[in-house]
Amino acid sequence: MAPFVEEAKYINPYTDFGFKFLFGTECNKEFLIEFLNALLPMDQKIQDITYLNPEQLGDTAAERKSVFDVYCHCDDGSYVIVEMQRAPQVFFKDRCVYYSSFPIRHQGKKSQWDYKLSAVYTVGVLDFKFDDDEEYYHHEVQLVDKATGEVFYDKLTYVFLEMPKFKKEINECETIMDKWLFVLKNMARLLDRPIELQERVFERLFRTAEIAKMSHEELFSYEESLKNYRDWRSTLDKAADEGHSIGLAIGLEKGFEKGRAEGLEKGREEGRAEGIAEGMRATAIRMLSLGLDHETISKVSRLTIEEIKTLDKQTTIIQVCNKG
């Protein structure tokens, strides 16, 4: 039986499979080259890239390994890491700095070496917001001298794109970068390539992204990736609402109970606070059951990592007892 995929014409680039299919394969490297040329502050255009192993091991068995979405070496000598990040993490910026350390360290030579390094770029396509500034969605970060504002080191660059803040319609896209962001955000819901996207690279991109042209194996992989993406988005989108609703309901109930004895208004406020805390714990337990990491759960539920670890242990003990 053929796999079922939602009634969409084009692949969703926010899925793991979709992003790597379009930007992480040798046959489609034209897309990555054009995307990077539109995005990165390079002195000269990239002509060619070589894909590198996205799984990077530490120097010792005890060190944590890292797996990038896309990792490549450009013909100008620079290294580029590209990540599609679906959800916020407590230490997301730390993670990006850690990732960038791999291509830096790998340039070290054991023989005589003058420490000259090639440029390293880390690109994050983010399906979440850093902050509440709705206008500022394109971050370009380098090391600067705080006193002068001058760039201290221009060979280490982080580019972050807060996609939820990008709200331009296709007729408002003036630059190639604008067009790329529009495509990334809207491709999965488009019925055809907009006439404004006349560039050859977009013509080929949309043709490649047609779901109907996928092989049977690719379709199965995409279906699974799409399901995971939907589950992830649903969990994140509903977690805050559920926590607030649960907390409000419990809070009102406890508030009225306490209000009878201590005064309605005081009891309502205390009960609401206690109920919201209970709701956040309920949300965290639900997210734990879905296998989400502690950092992401902490970000959504606002519980501390230690509180989440305690809930994780308690949940595990209950599950073991139930099985017994």
C-alpha atoms as a PDB file:
ATOM      1  CA  MET A   1       0.000   0.000   0.000  1.00  0.00           C
ATOM      2  CA  ALA A   2       1.325   3.431  -0.881  1.00  0.00           C
ATOM      3  CA  PRO A   3       2.061   5.751   2.067  1.00  0.00           C
ATOM      4  CA  PHE A   4      -0.327   8.596   2.777  1.00  0.00           C
ATOM      5  CA  VAL A   5       0.988  12.145   2.872  1.00  0.00           C
ATOM      6  CA  GLU A   6      -1.121  15.249   3.488  1.00  0.00           C
ATOM      7  CA  GLU A   7      -2.646  16.798   0.382  1.00  0.00           C
ATOM      8  CA  ALA A   8       0.182  19.186  -0.422  1.00  0.00           C
ATOM      9  CA  LYS A   9       2.052  19.636  -3.650  1.00  0.00           C
ATOM     10  CA  TYR A  10       5.464  20.496  -2.259  1.00  0.00           C
ATOM     11  CA  ILE A  11       7.651  19.052   0.452  1.00  0.00           C
ATOM     12  CA  ASN A  12       7.780  20.767   3.855  1.00  0.00           C
ATOM     13  CA  PRO A  13      11.365  22.064   4.351  1.00  0.00           C
ATOM     14  CA  TYR A  14      10.791  22.348   8.099  1.00  0.00           C
ATOM     15  CA  THR A  15      10.863  18.552   8.397  1.00  0.00           C
ATOM     16  CA  ASP A  16      14.191  16.792   8.925  1.00  0.00           C
ATOM     17  CA  PHE A  17      13.796  14.807   5.721  1.00  0.00           C
ATOM     18  CA  GLY A  18      12.606  17.780   3.694  1.00  0.00           C
ATOM     19  CA  PHE A  19      15.425  20.108   4.747  1.00  0.00           C
ATOM     20  CA  LYS A  20      18.179  17.565   4.176  1.00  0.00           C
ATOM     21  CA  PHE A  21      16.590  16.379   0.910  1.00  0.00           C
ATOM     22  CA  LEU A  22      16.629  19.899  -0.524  1.00  0.00           C
ATOM     23  CA  PHE A  23      19.869  21.245   0.976  1.00  0.00           C
ATOM     24  CA  GLY A  24      21.940  18.283   2.098  1.00  0.00           C
ATOM     25  CA  THR A  25      22.289  16.093  -0.990  1.00  0.00           C
ATOM     26  CA  GLU A  26      24.939  16.205  -3.696  1.00  0.00           C
ATOM     27  CA  CYS A  27      22.431  16.302  -6.553  1.00  0.00           C
ATOM     28  CA  ASN A  28      20.732  19.363  -5.046  1.00  0.00           C
ATOM     29  CA  LYS A  29      23.785  21.282  -3.815  1.00  0.00           C
ATOM     30  CA  GLU A  30      22.927  24.129  -6.207  1.00  0.00           C
ATOM     31  CA  PHE A  31      20.141  25.091  -3.795  1.00  0.00           C
ATOM     32  CA  LEU A  32      22.484  25.276  -0.808  1.00  0.00           C
ATOM     33  CA  ILE A  33      25.063  27.286  -2.773  1.00  0.00           C
ATOM     34  CA  GLU A  34      22.471  29.842  -3.916  1.00  0.00           C
ATOM     35  CA  PHE A  35      20.936  30.052  -0.425  1.00  0.00           C
ATOM     36  CA  LEU A  36      24.322  30.659   1.216  1.00  0.00           C
ATOM     37  CA  ASN A  37      25.335  33.235  -1.384  1.00  0.00           C
ATOM     38  CA  ALA A  38      22.148  35.169  -0.666  1.00  0.00           C
ATOM     39  CA  LEU A  39      22.609  34.943   3.087  1.00  0.00           C
ATOM     40  CA  LEU A  40      26.266  35.007   4.119  1.00  0.00           C
ATOM     41  CA  PRO A  41      28.466  38.142   4.279  1.00  0.00           C
ATOM     42  CA  MET A  42      31.214  36.727   2.054  1.00  0.00           C
ATOM     43  CA  ASP A  43      33.621  38.783  -0.057  1.00  0.00           C
ATOM     44  CA  GLN A  44      33.148  36.467  -3.012  1.00  0.00           C
ATOM     45  CA  LYS A  45      30.421  34.114  -4.153  1.00  0.00           C
ATOM     46  CA  ILE A  46      30.617  30.388  -3.436  1.00  0.00           C
ATOM     47  CA  GLN A  47      31.106  28.416  -6.645  1.00  0.00           C
ATOM     48  CA  ASP A  48      31.193  24.902  -5.237  1.00  0.00           C
ATOM     49  CA  ILE A  49      30.862  22.998  -1.961  1.00  0.00           C
ATOM     50  CA  THR A  50      31.897  19.620  -0.626  1.00  0.00           C
ATOM     51  CA  TYR A  51      29.553  17.927   1.823  1.00  0.00           C
ATOM     52  CA  LEU A  52      31.299  16.709   4.973  1.00  0.00           C
ATOM     53  CA  ASN A  53      30.260  14.043   7.469  1.00  0.00           C
ATOM     54  CA  PRO A  54      27.523  15.691   9.590  1.00  0.00           C
ATOM     55  CA  GLU A  55      28.291  13.407  12.548  1.00  0.00           C
ATOM     56  CA  GLN A  56      31.201  14.826  14.502  1.00  0.00           C
ATOM     57  CA  LEU A  57      32.806  12.795  17.283  1.00  0.00           C
ATOM     58  CA  GLY A  58      34.656  14.265  20.239  1.00  0.00           C
ATOM     59  CA  ASP A  59      38.392  13.850  20.687  1.00  0.00           C
ATOM     60  CA  THR A  60      37.777  11.202  23.347  1.00  0.00           C
ATOM     61  CA  ALA A  61      35.098   8.576  23.956  1.00  0.00           C
ATOM     62  CA  ALA A  62      33.839  10.607  26.917  1.00  0.00           C
ATOM     63  CA  GLU A  63      33.126  13.703  24.816  1.00  0.00           C
ATOM     64  CA  ARG A  64      29.691  14.303  23.380  1.00  0.00           C
ATOM     65  CA  LYS A  65      29.241  13.819  19.632  1.00  0.00           C
ATOM     66  CA  SER A  66      27.375  16.335  17.495  1.00  0.00           C
ATOM     67  CA  VAL A  67      25.185  15.740  14.461  1.00  0.00           C
ATOM     68  CA  PHE A  68      24.607  18.658  12.105  1.00  0.00           C
ATOM     69  CA  ASP A  69      21.799  18.929   9.565  1.00  0.00           C
ATOM     70  CA  VAL A  70      24.220  20.103   6.878  1.00  0.00           C
ATOM     71  CA  TYR A  71      28.009  20.513   7.104  1.00  0.00           C
ATOM     72  CA  CYS A  72      30.093  21.567   4.118  1.00  0.00           C
ATOM     73  CA  HIS A  73      33.441  22.923   2.966  1.00  0.00           C
ATOM     74  CA  CYS A  74      33.275  25.739   0.405  1.00  0.00           C
ATOM     75  CA  ASP A  75      35.661  26.313  -2.483  1.00  0.00           C
ATOM     76  CA  ASP A  76      36.994  29.489  -0.821  1.00  0.00           C
ATOM     77  CA  GLY A  77      38.173  27.380   2.133  1.00  0.00           C
ATOM     78  CA  SER A  78      35.408  28.338   4.546  1.00  0.00           C
ATOM     79  CA  TYR A  79      33.277  25.883   6.523  1.00  0.00           C
ATOM     80  CA  VAL A  80      29.512  26.163   6.915  1.00  0.00           C
ATOM     81  CA  ILE A  81      27.132  24.471   9.349  1.00  0.00           C
ATOM     82  CA  VAL A  82      23.412  24.811   8.602  1.00  0.00           C
ATOM     83  CA  GLU A  83      20.780  23.827  11.154  1.00  0.00           C
ATOM     84  CA  MET A  84      16.987  23.766  10.971  1.00  0.00           C
ATOM     85  CA  GLN A  85      16.016  24.317  14.602  1.00  0.00           C
ATOM     86  CA  ARG A  86      12.377  23.546  15.343  1.00  0.00           C
ATOM     87  CA  ALA A  87      12.096  24.478  19.013  1.00  0.00           C
ATOM     88  CA  PRO A  88      13.874  26.692  21.549  1.00  0.00           C
ATOM     89  CA  GLN A  89      16.418  25.268  23.951  1.00  0.00           C
ATOM     90  CA  VAL A  90      17.582  26.752  27.225  1.00  0.00           C
ATOM     91  CA  PHE A  91      21.213  26.776  26.073  1.00  0.00           C
ATOM     92  CA  PHE A  92      20.654  27.145  22.337  1.00  0.00           C
ATOM     93  CA  LYS A  93      23.343  29.813  21.908  1.00  0.00           C
ATOM     94  CA  ASP A  94      25.836  27.700  23.860  1.00  0.00           C
ATOM     95  CA  ARG A  95      25.042  24.797  21.559  1.00  0.00           C
ATOM     96  CA  CYS A  96      25.738  26.898  18.459  1.00  0.00           C
ATOM     97  CA  VAL A  97      29.099  28.034  19.831  1.00  0.00           C
ATOM     98  CA  TYR A  98      29.943  24.431  20.701  1.00  0.00           C
ATOM     99  CA  TYR A  99      29.029  23.283  17.185  1.00  0.00           C
ATOM    100  CA  SER A 100      31.251  25.929  15.618  1.00  0.00           C
ATOM    101  CA  SER A 101      34.205  24.649  17.624  1.00  0.00           C
ATOM    102  CA  PHE A 102      34.382  21.439  15.552  1.00  0.00           C
ATOM    103  CA  PRO A 103      35.383  22.988  12.209  1.00  0.00           C
ATOM    104  CA  ILE A 104      37.754  25.315  14.081  1.00  0.00           C
ATOM    105  CA  ARG A 105      39.561  22.522  15.941  1.00  0.00           C
ATOM    106  CA  HIS A 106      39.698  20.287  12.885  1.00  0.00           C
ATOM    107  CA  GLN A 107      41.815  22.876  11.093  1.00  0.00           C
ATOM    108  CA  GLY A 108      44.634  22.412  13.582  1.00  0.00           C
ATOM    109  CA  LYS A 109      47.833  20.858  12.221  1.00  0.00           C
ATOM    110  CA  LYS A 110      50.180  18.659  14.224  1.00  0.00           C
ATOM    111  CA  SER A 111      53.257  19.836  12.367  1.00  0.00           C
ATOM    112  CA  GLN A 112      54.487  23.419  12.303  1.00  0.00           C
ATOM    113  CA  TRP A 113      51.446  25.661  12.050  1.00  0.00           C
ATOM    114  CA  ASP A 114      50.945  29.419  12.203  1.00  0.00           C
ATOM    115  CA  TYR A 115      47.340  29.135  13.502  1.00  0.00           C
ATOM    116  CA  LYS A 116      45.838  30.635  10.372  1.00  0.00           C
ATOM    117  CA  LEU A 117      42.181  29.604  10.177  1.00  0.00           C
ATOM    118  CA  SER A 118      39.563  29.546   7.446  1.00  0.00           C
ATOM    119  CA  ALA A 119      36.245  31.257   8.091  1.00  0.00           C
ATOM    120  CA  VAL A 120      33.494  29.320   9.879  1.00  0.00           C
ATOM    121  CA  TYR A 121      29.809  30.148   9.448  1.00  0.00           C
ATOM    122  CA  THR A 122      26.949  28.726  11.502  1.00  0.00           C
ATOM    123  CA  VAL A 123      23.484  29.254  10.049  1.00  0.00           C
ATOM    124  CA  GLY A 124      20.366  28.621  12.122  1.00  0.00           C
ATOM    125  CA  VAL A 125      16.952  28.561  10.454  1.00  0.00           C
ATOM    126  CA  LEU A 126      14.746  28.897  13.535  1.00  0.00           C
ATOM    127  CA  ASP A 127      11.093  27.945  13.857  1.00  0.00           C
ATOM    128  CA  PHE A 128      10.814  30.048  17.021  1.00  0.00           C
ATOM    129  CA  LYS A 129      11.517  33.563  18.299  1.00  0.00           C
ATOM    130  CA  PHE A 130      14.479  34.809  20.306  1.00  0.00           C
ATOM    131  CA  ASP A 131      12.600  37.747  21.751  1.00  0.00           C
ATOM    132  CA  ASP A 132       9.548  39.986  21.353  1.00  0.00           C
ATOM    133  CA  ASP A 133      11.091  42.345  18.775  1.00  0.00           C
ATOM    134  CA  GLU A 134       8.856  41.527  15.791  1.00  0.00           C
ATOM    135  CA  GLU A 135      10.930  43.528  13.283  1.00  0.00           C
ATOM    136  CA  TYR A 136      14.351  42.019  13.906  1.00  0.00           C
ATOM    137  CA  TYR A 137      14.404  38.521  12.405  1.00  0.00           C
ATOM    138  CA  HIS A 138      17.817  38.389  10.677  1.00  0.00           C
ATOM    139  CA  HIS A 139      20.695  38.168  13.170  1.00  0.00           C
ATOM    140  CA  GLU A 140      24.308  38.371  11.985  1.00  0.00           C
ATOM    141  CA  VAL A 141      26.676  37.912  14.926  1.00  0.00           C
ATOM    142  CA  GLN A 142      30.457  38.319  15.077  1.00  0.00           C
ATOM    143  CA  LEU A 143      33.070  39.093  17.741  1.00  0.00           C
ATOM    144  CA  VAL A 144      33.318  42.849  18.236  1.00  0.00           C
ATOM    145  CA  ASP A 145      35.268  45.249  20.427  1.00  0.00           C
ATOM    146  CA  LYS A 146      32.627  46.626  22.796  1.00  0.00           C
ATOM    147  CA  ALA A 147      34.425  49.951  23.202  1.00  0.00           C
ATOM    148  CA  THR A 148      34.730  50.759  19.505  1.00  0.00           C
ATOM    149  CA  GLY A 149      31.998  48.629  17.976  1.00  0.00           C
ATOM    150  CA  GLU A 150      34.531  47.414  15.418  1.00  0.00           C
ATOM    151  CA  VAL A 151      34.618  43.766  14.361  1.00  0.00           C
ATOM    152  CA  PHE A 152      37.452  42.092  16.249  1.00  0.00           C
ATOM    153  CA  TYR A 153      37.415  38.795  14.330  1.00  0.00           C
ATOM    154  CA  ASP A 154      35.538  38.347  11.067  1.00  0.00           C
ATOM    155  CA  LYS A 155      36.201  34.644  10.487  1.00  0.00           C
ATOM    156  CA  LEU A 156      33.551  33.406  12.931  1.00  0.00           C
ATOM    157  CA  THR A 157      29.998  34.332  12.002  1.00  0.00           C
ATOM    158  CA  TYR A 158      26.620  33.200  13.281  1.00  0.00           C
ATOM    159  CA  VAL A 159      23.521  33.902  11.188  1.00  0.00           C
ATOM    160  CA  PHE A 160      20.120  33.255  12.765  1.00  0.00           C
ATOM    161  CA  LEU A 161      16.798  33.564  10.952  1.00  0.00           C
ATOM    162  CA  GLU A 162      13.725  33.834  13.194  1.00  0.00           C
ATOM    163  CA  MET A 163      11.218  32.521  10.683  1.00  0.00           C
ATOM    164  CA  PRO A 164       8.009  33.271  12.678  1.00  0.00           C
ATOM    165  CA  LYS A 165       8.919  36.977  12.459  1.00  0.00           C
ATOM    166  CA  PHE A 166       9.269  36.929   8.669  1.00  0.00           C
ATOM    167  CA  LYS A 167       5.839  38.041   7.466  1.00  0.00           C
ATOM    168  CA  LYS A 168       6.475  39.424   3.989  1.00  0.00           C
ATOM    169  CA  GLU A 169       4.201  38.398   1.154  1.00  0.00           C
ATOM    170  CA  ILE A 170       5.829  37.451  -2.134  1.00  0.00           C
ATOM    171  CA  ASN A 171       5.078  40.860  -3.700  1.00  0.00           C
ATOM    172  CA  GLU A 172       6.950  42.490  -0.800  1.00  0.00           C
ATOM    173  CA  CYS A 173      10.133  40.458  -1.308  1.00  0.00           C
ATOM    174  CA  GLU A 174      12.746  42.773  -2.798  1.00  0.00           C
ATOM    175  CA  THR A 175      15.954  40.767  -2.351  1.00  0.00           C
ATOM    176  CA  ILE A 176      16.985  37.215  -3.160  1.00  0.00           C
ATOM    177  CA  MET A 177      17.310  36.550   0.562  1.00  0.00           C
ATOM    178  CA  ASP A 178      13.709  37.691   1.083  1.00  0.00           C
ATOM    179  CA  LYS A 179      12.612  35.266  -1.610  1.00  0.00           C
ATOM    180  CA  TRP A 180      14.498  32.379  -0.002  1.00  0.00           C
ATOM    181  CA  LEU A 181      12.881  33.082   3.366  1.00  0.00           C
ATOM    182  CA  PHE A 182       9.453  33.283   1.753  1.00  0.00           C
ATOM    183  CA  VAL A 183      10.022  29.924   0.058  1.00  0.00           C
ATOM    184  CA  LEU A 184      11.239  28.227   3.244  1.00  0.00           C
ATOM    185  CA  LYS A 185       8.276  29.479   5.238  1.00  0.00           C
ATOM    186  CA  ASN A 186       5.526  28.980   2.662  1.00  0.00           C
ATOM    187  CA  MET A 187       6.523  26.203   0.271  1.00  0.00           C
ATOM    188  CA  ALA A 188       4.484  23.484   1.999  1.00  0.00           C
ATOM    189  CA  ARG A 189       1.225  25.424   1.562  1.00  0.00           C
ATOM    190  CA  LEU A 190       1.732  26.703  -1.987  1.00  0.00           C
ATOM    191  CA  LEU A 191      -0.150  25.171  -4.894  1.00  0.00           C
ATOM    192  CA  ASP A 192       2.317  26.430  -7.479  1.00  0.00           C
ATOM    193  CA  ARG A 193       5.478  28.483  -7.837  1.00  0.00           C
ATOM    194  CA  PRO A 194       4.636  32.212  -7.582  1.00  0.00           C
ATOM    195  CA  ILE A 195       5.308  34.129 -10.772  1.00  0.00           C
ATOM    196  CA  GLU A 196       7.553  36.520  -8.805  1.00  0.00           C
ATOM    197  CA  LEU A 197      10.069  33.687  -8.351  1.00  0.00           C
ATOM    198  CA  GLN A 198      11.465  33.847 -11.859  1.00  0.00           C
ATOM    199  CA  GLU A 199      15.041  32.900 -10.975  1.00  0.00           C
ATOM    200  CA  ARG A 200      16.224  29.578 -12.416  1.00  0.00           C
ATOM    201  CA  VAL A 201      17.171  28.208  -8.996  1.00  0.00           C
ATOM    202  CA  PHE A 202      13.583  28.570  -7.732  1.00  0.00           C
ATOM    203  CA  GLU A 203      12.172  26.952 -10.851  1.00  0.00           C
ATOM    204  CA  ARG A 204      14.372  23.916 -10.242  1.00  0.00           C
ATOM    205  CA  LEU A 205      13.760  23.976  -6.479  1.00  0.00           C
ATOM    206  CA  PHE A 206       9.979  23.773  -6.851  1.00  0.00           C
ATOM    207  CA  ARG A 207      10.296  21.061  -9.471  1.00  0.00           C
ATOM    208  CA  THR A 208      12.538  19.025  -7.152  1.00  0.00           C
ATOM    209  CA  ALA A 209      10.255  19.585  -4.168  1.00  0.00           C
ATOM    210  CA  GLU A 210       7.169  18.065  -5.770  1.00  0.00           C
ATOM    211  CA  ILE A 211       5.950  15.243  -3.562  1.00  0.00           C
ATOM    212  CA  ALA A 212       4.455  13.393  -6.536  1.00  0.00           C
ATOM    213  CA  LYS A 213       7.939  12.939  -8.011  1.00  0.00           C
ATOM    214  CA  MET A 214       9.369  11.196  -4.945  1.00  0.00           C
ATOM    215  CA  SER A 215      10.348   7.552  -5.056  1.00  0.00           C
ATOM    216  CA  HIS A 216       8.412   5.068  -2.929  1.00  0.00           C
ATOM    217  CA  GLU A 217      11.246   4.944  -0.369  1.00  0.00           C
ATOM    218  CA  GLU A 218      11.544   8.733  -0.226  1.00  0.00           C
ATOM    219  CA  LEU A 219       7.810   9.058   0.284  1.00  0.00           C
ATOM    220  CA  PHE A 220       7.861   6.685   3.251  1.00  0.00           C
ATOM    221  CA  SER A 221      10.782   8.576   4.818  1.00  0.00           C
ATOM    222  CA  TYR A 222       9.067  11.907   4.255  1.00  0.00           C
ATOM    223  CA  GLU A 223       5.793  10.671   5.732  1.00  0.00           C
ATOM    224  CA  GLU A 224       7.557   9.599   8.937  1.00  0.00           C
ATOM    225  CA  SER A 225       9.459  12.879   9.135  1.00  0.00           C
ATOM    226  CA  LEU A 226       6.273  14.860   8.551  1.00  0.00           C
ATOM    227  CA  LYS A 227       4.496  12.942  11.316  1.00  0.00           C
ATOM    228  CA  ASN A 228       7.334  13.686  13.738  1.00  0.00           C
ATOM    229  CA  TYR A 229       7.244  17.356  12.787  1.00  0.00           C
ATOM    230  CA  ARG A 230       3.483  17.548  13.323  1.00  0.00           C
ATOM    231  CA  ASP A 231       3.752  15.843  16.719  1.00  0.00           C
ATOM    232  CA  TRP A 232       6.554  18.197  17.735  1.00  0.00           C
ATOM    233  CA  ARG A 233       4.683  21.318  16.640  1.00  0.00           C
ATOM    234  CA  SER A 234       1.473  20.132  18.247  1.00  0.00           C
ATOM    235  CA  THR A 235       3.247  19.483  21.535  1.00  0.00           C
ATOM    236  CA  LEU A 236       4.915  22.879  21.623  1.00  0.00           C
ATOM    237  CA  ASP A 237       1.851  24.791  20.449  1.00  0.00           C
ATOM    238  CA  LYS A 238      -0.502  23.154  22.922  1.00  0.00           C
ATOM    239  CA  ALA A 239       1.802  22.818  25.919  1.00  0.00           C
ATOM    240  CA  ALA A 240       1.560  26.434  27.029  1.00  0.00           C
ATOM    241  CA  ASP A 241      -2.193  26.606  26.404  1.00  0.00           C
ATOM    242  CA  GLU A 242      -2.818  23.337  28.215  1.00  0.00           C
ATOM    243  CA  GLY A 243      -0.672  24.367  31.126  1.00  0.00           C
ATOM    244  CA  HIS A 244      -2.498  27.673  31.422  1.00  0.00           C
ATOM    245  CA  SER A 245      -5.938  26.046  31.125  1.00  0.00           C
ATOM    246  CA  ILE A 246      -5.163  23.282  33.603  1.00  0.00           C
ATOM    247  CA  GLY A 247      -3.601  25.726  36.002  1.00  0.00           C
ATOM    248  CA  LEU A 248      -6.495  28.155  35.767  1.00  0.00           C
ATOM    249  CA  ALA A 249      -9.098  25.433  36.350  1.00  0.00           C
ATOM    250  CA  ILE A 250      -7.262  23.965  39.332  1.00  0.00           C
ATOM    251  CA  GLY A 251      -6.490  27.430  40.621  1.00  0.00           C
ATOM    252  CA  LEU A 252     -10.089  28.542  40.529  1.00  0.00           C
ATOM    253  CA  GLU A 253     -11.237  25.404  42.292  1.00  0.00           C
ATOM    254  CA  LYS A 254      -8.639  25.700  45.033  1.00  0.00           C
ATOM    255  CA  GLY A 255      -9.183  29.408  45.197  1.00  0.00           C
ATOM    256  CA  PHE A 256     -12.866  29.051  45.933  1.00  0.00           C
ATOM    257  CA  GLU A 257     -12.156  26.379  48.550  1.00  0.00           C
ATOM    258  CA  LYS A 258      -9.649  28.544  50.344  1.00  0.00           C
ATOM    259  CA  GLY A 259     -11.829  31.574  49.831  1.00  0.00           C
ATOM    260  CA  ARG A 260     -14.577  30.106  51.987  1.00  0.00           C
ATOM    261  CA  ALA A 261     -12.203  29.905  54.933  1.00  0.00           C
ATOM    262  CA  GLU A 262      -9.710  32.729  54.361  1.00  0.00           C
ATOM    263  CA  GLY A 263     -11.535  35.170  52.166  1.00  0.00           C
ATOM    264  CA  LEU A 264     -12.564  34.722  48.568  1.00  0.00           C
ATOM    265  CA  GLU A 265     -10.082  37.098  46.943  1.00  0.00           C
ATOM    266  CA  LYS A 266      -6.999  35.911  48.814  1.00  0.00           C
ATOM    267  CA  GLY A 267      -7.919  32.275  48.300  1.00  0.00           C
ATOM    268  CA  ARG A 268      -8.536  32.817  44.594  1.00  0.00           C
ATOM    269  CA  GLU A 269      -5.082  34.326  44.051  1.00  0.00           C
ATOM    270  CA  GLU A 270      -3.251  31.696  46.083  1.00  0.00           C
ATOM    271  CA  GLY A 271      -5.205  28.905  44.444  1.00  0.00           C
ATOM    272  CA  ARG A 272      -4.554  30.256  40.963  1.00  0.00           C
ATOM    273  CA  ALA A 273      -0.793  30.408  41.599  1.00  0.00           C
ATOM    274  CA  GLU A 274      -0.763  26.890  43.021  1.00  0.00           C
ATOM    275  CA  GLY A 275      -2.984  25.625  40.220  1.00  0.00           C
ATOM    276  CA  ILE A 276      -0.841  27.142  37.486  1.00  0.00           C
ATOM    277  CA  ALA A 277       2.210  25.506  39.049  1.00  0.00           C
ATOM    278  CA  GLU A 278       0.337  22.200  39.054  1.00  0.00           C
ATOM    279  CA  GLY A 279      -0.634  22.762  35.441  1.00  0.00           C
ATOM    280  CA  MET A 280       2.992  23.350  34.460  1.00  0.00           C
ATOM    281  CA  ARG A 281       3.952  20.111  36.179  1.00  0.00           C
ATOM    282  CA  ALA A 282       1.183  18.295  34.280  1.00  0.00           C
ATOM    283  CA  THR A 283       2.442  19.769  31.026  1.00  0.00           C
ATOM    284  CA  ALA A 284       6.011  18.713  31.827  1.00  0.00           C
ATOM    285  CA  ILE A 285       4.882  15.151  32.567  1.00  0.00           C
ATOM    286  CA  ARG A 286       3.041  14.995  29.231  1.00  0.00           C
ATOM    287  CA  MET A 287       6.117  16.258  27.370  1.00  0.00           C
ATOM    288  CA  LEU A 288       8.302  13.717  29.198  1.00  0.00           C
ATOM    289  CA  SER A 289       5.993  10.962  27.963  1.00  0.00           C
ATOM    290  CA  LEU A 290       6.630  12.164  24.393  1.00  0.00           C
ATOM    291  CA  GLY A 291      10.381  11.831  24.869  1.00  0.00           C
ATOM    292  CA  LEU A 292      11.269  15.540  24.739  1.00  0.00           C
ATOM    293  CA  ASP A 293      14.562  16.634  26.320  1.00  0.00           C
ATOM    294  CA  HIS A 294      14.729  18.365  29.686  1.00  0.00           C
ATOM    295  CA  GLU A 295      15.980  21.667  28.259  1.00  0.00           C
ATOM    296  CA  THR A 296      13.045  22.034  25.869  1.00  0.00           C
ATOM    297  CA  ILE A 297      10.551  21.065  28.588  1.00  0.00           C
ATOM    298  CA  SER A 298      12.088  23.636  30.932  1.00  0.00           C
ATOM    299  CA  LYS A 299      11.741  26.326  28.292  1.00  0.00           C
ATOM    300  CA  VAL A 300       8.050  25.586  27.718  1.00  0.00           C
ATOM    301  CA  SER A 301       6.915  24.735  31.263  1.00  0.00           C
ATOM    302  CA  ARG A 302       9.195  27.240  33.071  1.00  0.00           C
ATOM    303  CA  LEU A 303      10.151  24.559  35.572  1.00  0.00           C
ATOM    304  CA  THR A 304      13.814  24.210  36.503  1.00  0.00           C
ATOM    305  CA  ILE A 305      15.907  21.365  35.119  1.00  0.00           C
ATOM    306  CA  GLU A 306      16.097  19.868  38.628  1.00  0.00           C
ATOM    307  CA  GLU A 307      12.300  19.944  39.007  1.00  0.00           C
ATOM    308  CA  ILE A 308      11.923  18.207  35.646  1.00  0.00           C
ATOM    309  CA  LYS A 309      14.503  15.570  36.577  1.00  0.00           C
ATOM    310  CA  THR A 310      12.542  14.886  39.774  1.00  0.00           C
ATOM    311  CA  LEU A 311       9.289  14.548  37.815  1.00  0.00           C
ATOM    312  CA  ASP A 312      11.063  12.250  35.356  1.00  0.00           C
ATOM    313  CA  LYS A 313      12.192   9.963  38.191  1.00  0.00           C
ATOM    314  CA  GLN A 314       8.759   9.952  39.821  1.00  0.00           C
ATOM    315  CA  THR A 315       7.066   9.144  36.499  1.00  0.00           C
ATOM    316  CA  THR A 316       9.504   6.308  35.858  1.00  0.00           C
ATOM    317  CA  ILE A 317       8.881   4.815  39.313  1.00  0.00           C
ATOM    318  CA  ILE A 318       5.107   4.960  38.790  1.00  0.00           C
ATOM    319  CA  GLN A 319       5.427   3.261  35.403  1.00  0.00           C
ATOM    320  CA  VAL A 320       7.563   0.500  36.892  1.00  0.00           C
ATOM    321  CA  CYS A 321       5.104  -0.040  39.742  1.00  0.00           C
ATOM    322  CA  ASN A 322       2.189  -0.192  37.323  1.00  0.00           C
ATOM    323  CA  LYS A 323       3.959  -2.774  35.233  1.00  0.00           C
ATOM    324  CA  GLY A 324       4.677  -4.814  38.339  1.00  0.00           C
END
